[in-house]
Amino acid sequence: MEQAPEPHAGWTFLTNHSRVLAAIAEDRTTRVRDIAARCRLTERAVQKIIADLEESGYLTHVREGRSNVYRIAPGTILRHPADAPATVGELLAILAHHESTRPSPAPGDHDGS
């Protein structure tokens, strides 16, 4: 049975789509289960987001054995007209920089906050 994510009320700066894409960018062989845990989403929500990203040309995958290997199209323009001409690669570079400067969690701190 799928574990429910922690409830969240209100809006956020990053979308779930960008969080999933960033998780995949960090590990192209990551599992849906691991993406869900990292992004605090259900596995079903992650599967839907991956399908959205693939349908829109931002992401593809190939099956290697029992695993998926994802490929991101970094030159793809972000969807919202106000974000043009920014690309997925530029967004991921910003998110990767954020992750690299984030402090490590304290021992026993499982949620990173």
N, C-alpha and C. Protein backbone atom coordinates (compact mmCIF):
# COMPACT_ATOMS: atom_id res chain seq x y z
N MET A 1 0.84 -1.18 0.00
CA MET A 1 0.00 0.00 0.00
C MET A 1 0.88 1.24 0.00
N GLU A 2 0.45 2.24 -0.74
CA GLU A 2 1.22 3.46 -0.92
C GLU A 2 1.07 4.37 0.31
N GLN A 3 2.20 4.88 0.79
CA GLN A 3 2.17 5.78 1.93
C GLN A 3 1.72 7.16 1.47
N ALA A 4 0.81 7.78 2.20
CA ALA A 4 0.32 9.11 1.85
C ALA A 4 1.40 10.14 2.18
N PRO A 5 1.59 11.13 1.29
CA PRO A 5 2.57 12.17 1.58
C PRO A 5 2.07 13.07 2.71
N GLU A 6 3.02 13.80 3.27
CA GLU A 6 2.64 14.76 4.30
C GLU A 6 1.71 15.80 3.69
N PRO A 7 0.67 16.21 4.41
CA PRO A 7 -0.24 17.21 3.85
C PRO A 7 0.45 18.57 3.73
N HIS A 8 0.05 19.30 2.72
CA HIS A 8 0.59 20.63 2.51
C HIS A 8 -0.55 21.54 2.09
N ALA A 9 -0.66 22.66 2.75
CA ALA A 9 -1.69 23.63 2.40
C ALA A 9 -1.03 24.85 1.78
N GLY A 10 -1.69 25.43 0.82
CA GLY A 10 -1.18 26.65 0.20
C GLY A 10 -0.34 26.38 -1.02
N TRP A 11 0.22 27.42 -1.56
CA TRP A 11 0.98 27.33 -2.80
C TRP A 11 2.45 27.16 -2.50
N THR A 12 3.20 26.77 -3.53
CA THR A 12 4.65 26.64 -3.42
C THR A 12 5.30 27.30 -4.63
N PHE A 13 6.57 27.60 -4.53
CA PHE A 13 7.28 28.23 -5.64
C PHE A 13 7.56 27.24 -6.76
N LEU A 14 7.90 26.03 -6.42
CA LEU A 14 8.21 25.02 -7.43
C LEU A 14 7.02 24.10 -7.62
N THR A 15 6.81 23.68 -8.86
CA THR A 15 5.73 22.73 -9.14
C THR A 15 6.21 21.31 -8.89
N ASN A 16 5.27 20.40 -8.76
CA ASN A 16 5.63 19.00 -8.62
C ASN A 16 6.34 18.50 -9.88
N HIS A 17 5.97 19.03 -11.04
CA HIS A 17 6.63 18.64 -12.27
C HIS A 17 8.12 19.01 -12.23
N SER A 18 8.43 20.20 -11.73
CA SER A 18 9.84 20.59 -11.67
C SER A 18 10.59 19.77 -10.63
N ARG A 19 9.94 19.42 -9.53
CA ARG A 19 10.58 18.59 -8.51
C ARG A 19 10.90 17.20 -9.06
N VAL A 20 9.95 16.61 -9.78
CA VAL A 20 10.16 15.28 -10.37
C VAL A 20 11.28 15.35 -11.40
N LEU A 21 11.26 16.36 -12.24
CA LEU A 21 12.31 16.50 -13.26
C LEU A 21 13.68 16.67 -12.61
N ALA A 22 13.76 17.43 -11.54
CA ALA A 22 15.03 17.62 -10.83
C ALA A 22 15.52 16.31 -10.22
N ALA A 23 14.61 15.51 -9.69
CA ALA A 23 14.99 14.21 -9.12
C ALA A 23 15.55 13.29 -10.20
N ILE A 24 14.92 13.32 -11.37
CA ILE A 24 15.40 12.50 -12.48
C ILE A 24 16.74 13.02 -12.99
N ALA A 25 16.91 14.34 -13.02
CA ALA A 25 18.18 14.92 -13.47
C ALA A 25 19.32 14.49 -12.56
N GLU A 26 19.04 14.33 -11.29
CA GLU A 26 20.07 13.93 -10.33
C GLU A 26 20.45 12.46 -10.50
N ASP A 27 19.49 11.62 -10.89
CA ASP A 27 19.74 10.19 -11.08
C ASP A 27 18.83 9.67 -12.18
N ARG A 28 19.39 9.48 -13.36
CA ARG A 28 18.59 9.07 -14.53
C ARG A 28 18.01 7.66 -14.40
N THR A 29 18.46 6.90 -13.42
CA THR A 29 17.94 5.54 -13.23
C THR A 29 17.08 5.42 -11.97
N THR A 30 16.72 6.54 -11.40
CA THR A 30 15.93 6.54 -10.17
C THR A 30 14.59 5.85 -10.38
N ARG A 31 14.08 5.26 -9.32
CA ARG A 31 12.79 4.56 -9.38
C ARG A 31 11.66 5.52 -9.01
N VAL A 32 10.47 5.22 -9.53
CA VAL A 32 9.30 6.02 -9.21
C VAL A 32 9.11 6.09 -7.70
N ARG A 33 9.33 4.99 -7.02
CA ARG A 33 9.19 4.95 -5.56
C ARG A 33 10.12 5.96 -4.89
N ASP A 34 11.35 6.04 -5.39
CA ASP A 34 12.33 6.96 -4.80
C ASP A 34 12.01 8.41 -5.12
N ILE A 35 11.52 8.66 -6.33
CA ILE A 35 11.10 10.01 -6.69
C ILE A 35 9.94 10.44 -5.80
N ALA A 36 8.99 9.55 -5.60
CA ALA A 36 7.83 9.86 -4.76
C ALA A 36 8.26 10.21 -3.35
N ALA A 37 9.17 9.44 -2.79
CA ALA A 37 9.64 9.73 -1.43
C ALA A 37 10.37 11.06 -1.37
N ARG A 38 11.22 11.32 -2.34
CA ARG A 38 11.99 12.57 -2.35
C ARG A 38 11.08 13.79 -2.50
N CYS A 39 10.10 13.68 -3.39
CA CYS A 39 9.23 14.82 -3.70
C CYS A 39 8.00 14.88 -2.80
N ARG A 40 7.87 13.88 -1.93
CA ARG A 40 6.71 13.79 -1.02
C ARG A 40 5.40 13.76 -1.78
N LEU A 41 5.39 12.86 -2.79
CA LEU A 41 4.21 12.64 -3.61
C LEU A 41 3.87 11.16 -3.58
N THR A 42 2.70 10.81 -4.06
CA THR A 42 2.38 9.40 -4.20
C THR A 42 3.05 8.86 -5.46
N GLU A 43 3.22 7.56 -5.52
CA GLU A 43 3.80 6.96 -6.72
C GLU A 43 2.90 7.20 -7.92
N ARG A 44 1.60 7.14 -7.71
CA ARG A 44 0.66 7.40 -8.80
C ARG A 44 0.82 8.81 -9.34
N ALA A 45 1.00 9.80 -8.46
CA ALA A 45 1.19 11.18 -8.91
C ALA A 45 2.48 11.30 -9.72
N VAL A 46 3.54 10.64 -9.27
CA VAL A 46 4.81 10.68 -10.00
C VAL A 46 4.65 10.04 -11.38
N GLN A 47 3.97 8.92 -11.46
CA GLN A 47 3.73 8.27 -12.75
C GLN A 47 2.99 9.20 -13.70
N LYS A 48 2.00 9.92 -13.20
CA LYS A 48 1.24 10.86 -14.03
C LYS A 48 2.12 12.01 -14.49
N ILE A 49 2.94 12.52 -13.60
CA ILE A 49 3.84 13.62 -13.96
C ILE A 49 4.85 13.17 -15.01
N ILE A 50 5.41 12.00 -14.85
CA ILE A 50 6.35 11.47 -15.84
C ILE A 50 5.66 11.34 -17.19
N ALA A 51 4.42 10.85 -17.20
CA ALA A 51 3.66 10.73 -18.45
C ALA A 51 3.45 12.11 -19.08
N ASP A 52 3.11 13.12 -18.26
CA ASP A 52 2.95 14.49 -18.76
C ASP A 52 4.24 15.00 -19.40
N LEU A 53 5.37 14.79 -18.70
CA LEU A 53 6.66 15.27 -19.19
C LEU A 53 7.06 14.57 -20.48
N GLU A 54 6.77 13.29 -20.58
CA GLU A 54 7.08 12.55 -21.81
C GLU A 54 6.18 13.01 -22.95
N GLU A 55 4.91 13.17 -22.68
CA GLU A 55 3.95 13.60 -23.71
C GLU A 55 4.31 14.97 -24.27
N SER A 56 4.87 15.83 -23.43
CA SER A 56 5.22 17.19 -23.85
C SER A 56 6.64 17.31 -24.41
N GLY A 57 7.38 16.20 -24.44
CA GLY A 57 8.70 16.21 -25.05
C GLY A 57 9.85 16.62 -24.15
N TYR A 58 9.61 16.71 -22.86
CA TYR A 58 10.66 17.10 -21.92
C TYR A 58 11.49 15.92 -21.46
N LEU A 59 10.95 14.71 -21.63
CA LEU A 59 11.55 13.53 -21.04
C LEU A 59 11.24 12.32 -21.91
N THR A 60 12.17 11.39 -22.00
CA THR A 60 11.94 10.09 -22.62
C THR A 60 12.55 9.04 -21.70
N HIS A 61 12.20 7.80 -21.92
CA HIS A 61 12.84 6.73 -21.16
C HIS A 61 13.00 5.50 -22.03
N VAL A 62 13.99 4.71 -21.67
CA VAL A 62 14.19 3.40 -22.28
C VAL A 62 14.26 2.38 -21.15
N ARG A 63 13.82 1.21 -21.47
CA ARG A 63 13.83 0.12 -20.50
C ARG A 63 15.17 -0.59 -20.61
N GLU A 64 15.88 -0.73 -19.50
CA GLU A 64 17.12 -1.49 -19.45
C GLU A 64 16.96 -2.53 -18.35
N GLY A 65 16.70 -3.77 -18.77
CA GLY A 65 16.42 -4.81 -17.79
C GLY A 65 15.11 -4.52 -17.10
N ARG A 66 15.16 -4.45 -15.79
CA ARG A 66 13.96 -4.16 -15.01
C ARG A 66 13.84 -2.69 -14.64
N SER A 67 14.74 -1.87 -15.14
CA SER A 67 14.77 -0.45 -14.77
C SER A 67 14.51 0.45 -15.97
N ASN A 68 14.06 1.65 -15.67
CA ASN A 68 13.94 2.70 -16.68
C ASN A 68 15.17 3.59 -16.59
N VAL A 69 15.64 4.03 -17.74
CA VAL A 69 16.69 5.05 -17.79
C VAL A 69 16.07 6.24 -18.50
N TYR A 70 16.05 7.38 -17.80
CA TYR A 70 15.39 8.57 -18.32
C TYR A 70 16.39 9.46 -19.04
N ARG A 71 15.88 10.17 -20.01
CA ARG A 71 16.69 11.16 -20.73
C ARG A 71 15.88 12.46 -20.80
N ILE A 72 16.48 13.52 -20.32
CA ILE A 72 15.85 14.83 -20.32
C ILE A 72 16.28 15.58 -21.57
N ALA A 73 15.35 16.31 -22.17
CA ALA A 73 15.64 17.15 -23.33
C ALA A 73 15.97 18.55 -22.81
N PRO A 74 17.25 18.85 -22.53
CA PRO A 74 17.61 20.09 -21.86
C PRO A 74 17.34 21.36 -22.66
N GLY A 75 17.26 21.26 -23.97
CA GLY A 75 17.03 22.45 -24.79
C GLY A 75 15.57 22.81 -24.95
N THR A 76 14.68 22.03 -24.36
CA THR A 76 13.25 22.29 -24.48
C THR A 76 12.88 23.56 -23.71
N ILE A 77 12.12 24.42 -24.36
CA ILE A 77 11.69 25.68 -23.76
C ILE A 77 10.63 25.42 -22.69
N LEU A 78 10.71 26.16 -21.59
CA LEU A 78 9.70 26.03 -20.54
C LEU A 78 8.33 26.42 -21.07
N ARG A 79 7.29 25.83 -20.52
CA ARG A 79 5.94 25.92 -21.07
C ARG A 79 5.29 27.30 -20.99
N HIS A 80 5.48 28.00 -19.91
CA HIS A 80 4.77 29.27 -19.73
C HIS A 80 5.42 30.36 -20.57
N PRO A 81 4.62 31.12 -21.32
CA PRO A 81 5.19 32.18 -22.17
C PRO A 81 6.04 33.20 -21.41
N ALA A 82 5.72 33.45 -20.15
CA ALA A 82 6.50 34.41 -19.37
C ALA A 82 7.90 33.89 -19.05
N ASP A 83 8.11 32.58 -19.17
CA ASP A 83 9.42 31.98 -18.89
C ASP A 83 10.31 31.92 -20.12
N ALA A 84 9.74 32.16 -21.30
CA ALA A 84 10.51 32.08 -22.54
C ALA A 84 11.60 33.15 -22.54
N PRO A 85 12.74 32.88 -23.05
CA PRO A 85 13.17 31.67 -23.75
C PRO A 85 13.94 30.70 -22.86
N ALA A 86 13.68 30.68 -21.55
CA ALA A 86 14.41 29.79 -20.65
C ALA A 86 14.15 28.33 -21.01
N THR A 87 15.18 27.49 -20.79
CA THR A 87 15.09 26.08 -21.13
C THR A 87 15.07 25.21 -19.88
N VAL A 88 14.70 23.97 -20.09
CA VAL A 88 14.71 23.00 -19.00
C VAL A 88 16.11 22.86 -18.43
N GLY A 89 17.12 22.85 -19.28
CA GLY A 89 18.50 22.75 -18.82
C GLY A 89 18.89 23.90 -17.89
N GLU A 90 18.44 25.10 -18.22
CA GLU A 90 18.74 26.27 -17.37
C GLU A 90 18.04 26.15 -16.02
N LEU A 91 16.79 25.69 -16.03
CA LEU A 91 16.07 25.50 -14.78
C LEU A 91 16.76 24.45 -13.92
N LEU A 92 17.14 23.34 -14.54
CA LEU A 92 17.79 22.27 -13.79
C LEU A 92 19.14 22.71 -13.24
N ALA A 93 19.85 23.58 -13.95
CA ALA A 93 21.13 24.10 -13.45
C ALA A 93 20.91 24.91 -12.18
N ILE A 94 19.86 25.70 -12.16
CA ILE A 94 19.54 26.49 -10.96
C ILE A 94 19.19 25.57 -9.80
N LEU A 95 18.36 24.57 -10.07
CA LEU A 95 17.95 23.64 -9.01
C LEU A 95 19.13 22.82 -8.51
N ALA A 96 20.02 22.41 -9.41
CA ALA A 96 21.21 21.65 -9.00
C ALA A 96 22.11 22.50 -8.12
N HIS A 97 22.26 23.78 -8.48
CA HIS A 97 23.07 24.69 -7.65
C HIS A 97 22.46 24.80 -6.26
N HIS A 98 21.14 24.91 -6.19
CA HIS A 98 20.45 24.99 -4.90
C HIS A 98 20.73 23.74 -4.07
N GLU A 99 20.62 22.58 -4.69
CA GLU A 99 20.87 21.32 -3.98
C GLU A 99 22.31 21.23 -3.49
N SER A 100 23.27 21.72 -4.29
CA SER A 100 24.67 21.61 -3.91
C SER A 100 25.04 22.55 -2.77
N THR A 101 24.26 23.61 -2.58
CA THR A 101 24.55 24.55 -1.50
C THR A 101 23.70 24.32 -0.26
N ARG A 102 22.81 23.37 -0.35
CA ARG A 102 21.92 23.04 0.77
C ARG A 102 22.71 22.34 1.88
N PRO A 103 22.52 22.74 3.14
CA PRO A 103 23.25 22.08 4.22
C PRO A 103 22.81 20.62 4.36
N SER A 104 23.75 19.79 4.77
CA SER A 104 23.44 18.38 5.00
C SER A 104 22.54 18.26 6.21
N PRO A 105 21.61 17.29 6.19
CA PRO A 105 20.73 17.11 7.35
C PRO A 105 21.53 16.67 8.58
N ALA A 106 21.08 17.08 9.73
CA ALA A 106 21.70 16.67 10.97
C ALA A 106 21.41 15.19 11.21
N PRO A 107 22.26 14.50 11.95
CA PRO A 107 22.00 13.09 12.25
C PRO A 107 20.61 12.93 12.87
N GLY A 108 19.86 11.98 12.36
CA GLY A 108 18.51 11.75 12.86
C GLY A 108 17.47 12.63 12.23
N ASP A 109 17.86 13.58 11.40
CA ASP A 109 16.92 14.47 10.73
C ASP A 109 16.61 13.89 9.36
N HIS A 110 15.48 13.22 9.23
CA HIS A 110 15.16 12.51 8.01
C HIS A 110 14.49 13.36 6.96
N ASP A 111 13.93 14.49 7.31
CA ASP A 111 13.23 15.29 6.30
C ASP A 111 14.07 16.45 5.77
N GLY A 112 15.27 16.61 6.25
CA GLY A 112 16.15 17.62 5.71
C GLY A 112 15.85 19.04 6.13
N SER A 113 14.87 19.24 7.03
CA SER A 113 14.57 20.60 7.46
C SER A 113 14.98 20.85 8.87
